[in-house]
Amino acid sequence: MTDFRMIDLAGFYTNTLDDEIHHKPGNDLRAVPHGVSEFAGVPFDVNGIIQLSGRISKEKTTLDFPPAILGIPIHAAGKAIHFLQCSSWHDEVGTKVGEYRVHYADGQTEAIPIVYGRHVLDWWFMEGDPLPDDAEVAWTGDNERTRDLGHSIQLYKYSWDNPRPELEIETLDFVSDDEESAPFLAAVTIE
């Protein structure tokens, strides 16, 4: 059996799953399984989200989301990093909306781009909308607000193959590129 290590993001959440997101009544992630569950074949520990800022996030919500979360402790080696993620608001397909920065124990850093249409899409989804090219649908559901407007919600699993699987990853940064689409992260698992 493959070994998975779920990363604790609790100290970094901008919202719990039960919070109204973006100051919109009924707009939440209550329907997402809370705690440890399997999504697209990978166990994730999901209890909230980290919503980063984007160019229009404050205008749309009046909230100041962080532009980056730096130094998420990992302290594990592995062949892959799995991200349970999405984004808020749309952007042009192919736009780099953020990145993860992997900091190895030897001081080297590796950047993992987050590209709209490849790794993430807006979390609000309508039947017939395109799916990301390099990520898979990990969860589909809805909330009161999306039901009223004829949408559903989707979270995506993106898996990155670690080029240095034998080396410990000390920390992970999650960074927005301040585009219109603002990335959000629900969970990270090291395999």
C-alpha atoms as a PDB file:
ATOM      1  CA  MET A   1       0.000   0.000   0.000  1.00  0.00           C
ATOM      2  CA  THR A   2       1.179   3.489  -0.800  1.00  0.00           C
ATOM      3  CA  ASP A   3       2.118   5.768   2.077  1.00  0.00           C
ATOM      4  CA  PHE A   4       0.312   9.081   2.241  1.00  0.00           C
ATOM      5  CA  ARG A   5       1.010  11.941   4.627  1.00  0.00           C
ATOM      6  CA  MET A   6      -1.761  14.483   4.976  1.00  0.00           C
ATOM      7  CA  ILE A   7      -0.489  17.980   5.773  1.00  0.00           C
ATOM      8  CA  ASP A   8      -2.128  19.971   8.576  1.00  0.00           C
ATOM      9  CA  LEU A   9      -3.274  23.326   7.152  1.00  0.00           C
ATOM     10  CA  ALA A  10      -5.398  24.310  10.171  1.00  0.00           C
ATOM     11  CA  GLY A  11      -3.241  27.277  11.178  1.00  0.00           C
ATOM     12  CA  PHE A  12      -3.508  28.788   7.705  1.00  0.00           C
ATOM     13  CA  TYR A  13      -7.214  28.606   6.793  1.00  0.00           C
ATOM     14  CA  THR A  14      -8.994  31.787   5.747  1.00  0.00           C
ATOM     15  CA  ASN A  15     -12.376  29.990   5.981  1.00  0.00           C
ATOM     16  CA  THR A  16     -13.739  26.827   7.537  1.00  0.00           C
ATOM     17  CA  LEU A  17     -15.900  24.637   5.314  1.00  0.00           C
ATOM     18  CA  ASP A  18     -18.990  25.887   7.149  1.00  0.00           C
ATOM     19  CA  ASP A  19     -18.233  29.623   6.808  1.00  0.00           C
ATOM     20  CA  GLU A  20     -19.983  31.763   4.235  1.00  0.00           C
ATOM     21  CA  ILE A  21     -17.324  32.389   1.616  1.00  0.00           C
ATOM     22  CA  HIS A  22     -16.850  35.843   0.071  1.00  0.00           C
ATOM     23  CA  HIS A  23     -19.622  37.389   2.246  1.00  0.00           C
ATOM     24  CA  LYS A  24     -22.287  35.652   0.183  1.00  0.00           C
ATOM     25  CA  PRO A  25     -25.173  34.110   2.181  1.00  0.00           C
ATOM     26  CA  GLY A  26     -25.484  30.369   1.558  1.00  0.00           C
ATOM     27  CA  ASN A  27     -22.142  30.256  -0.286  1.00  0.00           C
ATOM     28  CA  ASP A  28     -20.175  27.660   1.657  1.00  0.00           C
ATOM     29  CA  LEU A  29     -18.536  24.252   1.444  1.00  0.00           C
ATOM     30  CA  ARG A  30     -20.646  22.504   4.118  1.00  0.00           C
ATOM     31  CA  ALA A  31     -21.396  19.622   1.740  1.00  0.00           C
ATOM     32  CA  VAL A  32     -17.698  18.708   1.343  1.00  0.00           C
ATOM     33  CA  PRO A  33     -16.810  15.726   3.557  1.00  0.00           C
ATOM     34  CA  HIS A  34     -15.126  17.126   6.680  1.00  0.00           C
ATOM     35  CA  GLY A  35     -11.926  15.593   8.024  1.00  0.00           C
ATOM     36  CA  VAL A  36     -10.113  12.695   6.370  1.00  0.00           C
ATOM     37  CA  SER A  37     -11.774  11.395   3.196  1.00  0.00           C
ATOM     38  CA  GLU A  38     -10.648  10.027  -0.126  1.00  0.00           C
ATOM     39  CA  PHE A  39     -10.909  12.334  -3.121  1.00  0.00           C
ATOM     40  CA  ALA A  40      -9.984  11.003  -6.584  1.00  0.00           C
ATOM     41  CA  GLY A  41      -8.053   8.114  -5.026  1.00  0.00           C
ATOM     42  CA  VAL A  42      -6.029  10.171  -2.533  1.00  0.00           C
ATOM     43  CA  PRO A  43      -6.753  10.706   1.179  1.00  0.00           C
ATOM     44  CA  PHE A  44      -6.990  14.372   2.150  1.00  0.00           C
ATOM     45  CA  ASP A  45      -7.677  16.028   5.508  1.00  0.00           C
ATOM     46  CA  VAL A  46     -10.188  18.760   4.638  1.00  0.00           C
ATOM     47  CA  ASN A  47     -11.438  21.212   7.258  1.00  0.00           C
ATOM     48  CA  GLY A  48     -11.210  24.607   5.564  1.00  0.00           C
ATOM     49  CA  ILE A  49      -9.709  26.525   2.677  1.00  0.00           C
ATOM     50  CA  ILE A  50      -6.907  28.986   2.137  1.00  0.00           C
ATOM     51  CA  GLN A  51      -8.287  31.668  -0.197  1.00  0.00           C
ATOM     52  CA  LEU A  52      -5.578  33.877  -1.668  1.00  0.00           C
ATOM     53  CA  SER A  53      -6.187  37.344  -3.054  1.00  0.00           C
ATOM     54  CA  GLY A  54      -6.539  38.188  -6.705  1.00  0.00           C
ATOM     55  CA  ARG A  55      -6.861  41.403  -8.669  1.00  0.00           C
ATOM     56  CA  ILE A  56     -10.650  41.592  -8.163  1.00  0.00           C
ATOM     57  CA  SER A  57     -11.097  39.709  -4.862  1.00  0.00           C
ATOM     58  CA  LYS A  58     -11.379  42.779  -2.617  1.00  0.00           C
ATOM     59  CA  GLU A  59     -13.746  44.518  -5.045  1.00  0.00           C
ATOM     60  CA  LYS A  60     -15.969  41.413  -5.171  1.00  0.00           C
ATOM     61  CA  THR A  61     -15.918  40.623  -1.433  1.00  0.00           C
ATOM     62  CA  THR A  62     -14.605  43.664   0.513  1.00  0.00           C
ATOM     63  CA  LEU A  63     -12.241  41.166   2.190  1.00  0.00           C
ATOM     64  CA  ASP A  64      -8.443  41.323   2.314  1.00  0.00           C
ATOM     65  CA  PHE A  65      -7.272  37.816   1.495  1.00  0.00           C
ATOM     66  CA  PRO A  66      -3.547  37.161   1.833  1.00  0.00           C
ATOM     67  CA  PRO A  67      -1.455  37.343  -1.356  1.00  0.00           C
ATOM     68  CA  ALA A  68       0.599  34.376  -0.142  1.00  0.00           C
ATOM     69  CA  ILE A  69       0.937  31.841   2.638  1.00  0.00           C
ATOM     70  CA  LEU A  70       4.601  31.113   3.271  1.00  0.00           C
ATOM     71  CA  GLY A  71       6.298  28.350   5.207  1.00  0.00           C
ATOM     72  CA  ILE A  72       3.622  25.657   5.461  1.00  0.00           C
ATOM     73  CA  PRO A  73       5.476  22.869   7.337  1.00  0.00           C
ATOM     74  CA  ILE A  74       5.836  19.637   5.369  1.00  0.00           C
ATOM     75  CA  HIS A  75       8.886  17.752   6.762  1.00  0.00           C
ATOM     76  CA  ALA A  76       8.428  14.721   4.523  1.00  0.00           C
ATOM     77  CA  ALA A  77       9.879  13.187   1.383  1.00  0.00           C
ATOM     78  CA  GLY A  78       7.698  11.704  -1.311  1.00  0.00           C
ATOM     79  CA  LYS A  79       7.303  10.925  -4.972  1.00  0.00           C
ATOM     80  CA  ALA A  80       4.314  13.251  -5.444  1.00  0.00           C
ATOM     81  CA  ILE A  81       2.404  16.129  -3.904  1.00  0.00           C
ATOM     82  CA  HIS A  82      -1.377  16.059  -4.313  1.00  0.00           C
ATOM     83  CA  PHE A  83      -3.320  19.320  -4.064  1.00  0.00           C
ATOM     84  CA  LEU A  84      -7.079  19.577  -3.505  1.00  0.00           C
ATOM     85  CA  GLN A  85      -7.721  23.000  -4.971  1.00  0.00           C
ATOM     86  CA  CYS A  86      -9.797  25.352  -7.058  1.00  0.00           C
ATOM     87  CA  SER A  87     -10.038  29.053  -7.736  1.00  0.00           C
ATOM     88  CA  SER A  88     -12.486  31.874  -7.291  1.00  0.00           C
ATOM     89  CA  TRP A  89     -13.517  33.897 -10.328  1.00  0.00           C
ATOM     90  CA  HIS A  90     -12.652  33.295 -13.953  1.00  0.00           C
ATOM     91  CA  ASP A  91      -9.586  34.057 -16.013  1.00  0.00           C
ATOM     92  CA  GLU A  92      -8.323  33.398 -19.512  1.00  0.00           C
ATOM     93  CA  VAL A  93      -7.391  29.759 -20.040  1.00  0.00           C
ATOM     94  CA  GLY A  94      -3.603  29.492 -19.860  1.00  0.00           C
ATOM     95  CA  THR A  95      -3.178  32.353 -17.363  1.00  0.00           C
ATOM     96  CA  LYS A  96      -0.779  31.535 -14.533  1.00  0.00           C
ATOM     97  CA  VAL A  97      -2.772  32.529 -11.431  1.00  0.00           C
ATOM     98  CA  GLY A  98      -0.287  31.436  -8.772  1.00  0.00           C
ATOM     99  CA  GLU A  99       2.286  28.887  -7.752  1.00  0.00           C
ATOM    100  CA  TYR A 100       3.464  26.569  -5.044  1.00  0.00           C
ATOM    101  CA  ARG A 101       7.107  26.787  -3.992  1.00  0.00           C
ATOM    102  CA  VAL A 102       8.630  23.601  -2.638  1.00  0.00           C
ATOM    103  CA  HIS A 103      11.570  24.208  -0.260  1.00  0.00           C
ATOM    104  CA  TYR A 104      13.860  21.196   0.096  1.00  0.00           C
ATOM    105  CA  ALA A 105      16.110  20.426   3.072  1.00  0.00           C
ATOM    106  CA  ASP A 106      19.226  21.143   0.960  1.00  0.00           C
ATOM    107  CA  GLY A 107      18.114  24.753   0.318  1.00  0.00           C
ATOM    108  CA  GLN A 108      16.906  24.187  -3.259  1.00  0.00           C
ATOM    109  CA  THR A 109      13.478  25.437  -4.337  1.00  0.00           C
ATOM    110  CA  GLU A 110      11.136  24.126  -7.027  1.00  0.00           C
ATOM    111  CA  ALA A 111       8.189  26.170  -8.381  1.00  0.00           C
ATOM    112  CA  ILE A 112       4.907  24.499  -9.340  1.00  0.00           C
ATOM    113  CA  PRO A 113       2.770  26.813 -11.505  1.00  0.00           C
ATOM    114  CA  ILE A 114      -1.009  26.998 -11.043  1.00  0.00           C
ATOM    115  CA  VAL A 115      -2.480  27.638 -14.485  1.00  0.00           C
ATOM    116  CA  TYR A 116      -6.130  28.466 -15.065  1.00  0.00           C
ATOM    117  CA  GLY A 117      -7.732  25.834 -17.285  1.00  0.00           C
ATOM    118  CA  ARG A 118      -4.919  23.336 -16.688  1.00  0.00           C
ATOM    119  CA  HIS A 119      -4.743  22.921 -12.894  1.00  0.00           C
ATOM    120  CA  VAL A 120      -7.731  24.917 -11.610  1.00  0.00           C
ATOM    121  CA  LEU A 121     -11.005  26.460 -12.663  1.00  0.00           C
ATOM    122  CA  ASP A 122     -13.579  28.541 -10.827  1.00  0.00           C
ATOM    123  CA  TRP A 123     -15.173  26.462  -8.046  1.00  0.00           C
ATOM    124  CA  TRP A 124     -18.671  27.344  -9.351  1.00  0.00           C
ATOM    125  CA  PHE A 125     -19.461  25.020 -12.234  1.00  0.00           C
ATOM    126  CA  MET A 126     -22.269  24.655 -14.774  1.00  0.00           C
ATOM    127  CA  GLU A 127     -22.955  21.519 -16.771  1.00  0.00           C
ATOM    128  CA  GLY A 128     -21.124  21.825 -20.065  1.00  0.00           C
ATOM    129  CA  ASP A 129     -18.314  23.999 -18.669  1.00  0.00           C
ATOM    130  CA  PRO A 130     -14.822  22.796 -19.644  1.00  0.00           C
ATOM    131  CA  LEU A 131     -12.745  20.751 -17.210  1.00  0.00           C
ATOM    132  CA  PRO A 132      -9.083  21.406 -16.403  1.00  0.00           C
ATOM    133  CA  ASP A 133      -6.596  19.641 -18.677  1.00  0.00           C
ATOM    134  CA  ASP A 134      -4.113  18.424 -16.034  1.00  0.00           C
ATOM    135  CA  ALA A 135      -6.316  17.983 -12.952  1.00  0.00           C
ATOM    136  CA  GLU A 136      -9.268  15.737 -12.221  1.00  0.00           C
ATOM    137  CA  VAL A 137     -12.606  16.390 -10.602  1.00  0.00           C
ATOM    138  CA  ALA A 138     -12.222  15.264  -6.992  1.00  0.00           C
ATOM    139  CA  TRP A 139     -15.590  16.334  -5.597  1.00  0.00           C
ATOM    140  CA  THR A 140     -18.850  17.733  -6.932  1.00  0.00           C
ATOM    141  CA  GLY A 141     -21.678  19.140  -4.830  1.00  0.00           C
ATOM    142  CA  ASP A 142     -23.575  22.338  -4.234  1.00  0.00           C
ATOM    143  CA  ASN A 143     -24.688  24.851  -1.652  1.00  0.00           C
ATOM    144  CA  GLU A 144     -27.788  26.966  -1.135  1.00  0.00           C
ATOM    145  CA  ARG A 145     -26.490  29.819  -3.291  1.00  0.00           C
ATOM    146  CA  THR A 146     -25.317  27.675  -6.213  1.00  0.00           C
ATOM    147  CA  ARG A 147     -28.586  25.699  -6.245  1.00  0.00           C
ATOM    148  CA  ASP A 148     -30.555  28.954  -6.467  1.00  0.00           C
ATOM    149  CA  LEU A 149     -28.461  30.052  -9.468  1.00  0.00           C
ATOM    150  CA  GLY A 150     -28.299  26.703 -11.310  1.00  0.00           C
ATOM    151  CA  HIS A 151     -24.642  25.948 -10.593  1.00  0.00           C
ATOM    152  CA  SER A 152     -22.758  23.239  -8.753  1.00  0.00           C
ATOM    153  CA  ILE A 153     -19.371  23.285  -6.996  1.00  0.00           C
ATOM    154  CA  GLN A 154     -16.291  21.327  -7.988  1.00  0.00           C
ATOM    155  CA  LEU A 155     -12.918  20.774  -6.350  1.00  0.00           C
ATOM    156  CA  TYR A 156      -9.994  19.454  -8.354  1.00  0.00           C
ATOM    157  CA  LYS A 157      -7.077  17.190  -7.523  1.00  0.00           C
ATOM    158  CA  TYR A 158      -3.801  18.169  -9.120  1.00  0.00           C
ATOM    159  CA  SER A 159      -0.838  15.835  -8.646  1.00  0.00           C
ATOM    160  CA  TRP A 160       2.758  16.982  -9.108  1.00  0.00           C
ATOM    161  CA  ASP A 161       5.527  14.433  -9.594  1.00  0.00           C
ATOM    162  CA  ASN A 162       8.430  15.368  -7.339  1.00  0.00           C
ATOM    163  CA  PRO A 163      11.727  15.326  -9.301  1.00  0.00           C
ATOM    164  CA  ARG A 164      13.645  14.791  -6.021  1.00  0.00           C
ATOM    165  CA  PRO A 165      11.598  12.135  -4.169  1.00  0.00           C
ATOM    166  CA  GLU A 166      14.421  11.087  -1.846  1.00  0.00           C
ATOM    167  CA  LEU A 167      14.923  14.560  -0.371  1.00  0.00           C
ATOM    168  CA  GLU A 168      12.865  15.952   2.502  1.00  0.00           C
ATOM    169  CA  ILE A 169      10.556  18.840   1.674  1.00  0.00           C
ATOM    170  CA  GLU A 170      10.795  21.262   4.578  1.00  0.00           C
ATOM    171  CA  THR A 171       8.113  23.796   3.685  1.00  0.00           C
ATOM    172  CA  LEU A 172       5.638  24.806   1.005  1.00  0.00           C
ATOM    173  CA  ASP A 173       4.604  28.319  -0.070  1.00  0.00           C
ATOM    174  CA  PHE A 174       1.238  29.076  -1.706  1.00  0.00           C
ATOM    175  CA  VAL A 175       1.404  32.294  -3.744  1.00  0.00           C
ATOM    176  CA  SER A 176      -1.098  34.280  -5.837  1.00  0.00           C
ATOM    177  CA  ASP A 177      -0.013  36.034  -9.044  1.00  0.00           C
ATOM    178  CA  ASP A 178      -2.741  38.691  -8.512  1.00  0.00           C
ATOM    179  CA  GLU A 179      -4.688  37.770 -11.618  1.00  0.00           C
ATOM    180  CA  GLU A 180      -8.505  37.902 -11.800  1.00  0.00           C
ATOM    181  CA  SER A 181      -8.835  34.271 -10.767  1.00  0.00           C
ATOM    182  CA  ALA A 182      -7.644  33.815  -7.185  1.00  0.00           C
ATOM    183  CA  PRO A 183      -6.490  30.292  -6.234  1.00  0.00           C
ATOM    184  CA  PHE A 184      -7.707  28.478  -3.155  1.00  0.00           C
ATOM    185  CA  LEU A 185      -6.359  25.377  -1.474  1.00  0.00           C
ATOM    186  CA  ALA A 186      -8.356  22.904   0.612  1.00  0.00           C
ATOM    187  CA  ALA A 187      -5.768  20.189   1.354  1.00  0.00           C
ATOM    188  CA  VAL A 188      -2.294  18.824   0.601  1.00  0.00           C
ATOM    189  CA  THR A 189      -1.129  15.207   0.757  1.00  0.00           C
ATOM    190  CA  ILE A 190       2.410  13.893   0.210  1.00  0.00           C
ATOM    191  CA  GLU A 191       2.754  10.451  -1.340  1.00  0.00           C
END
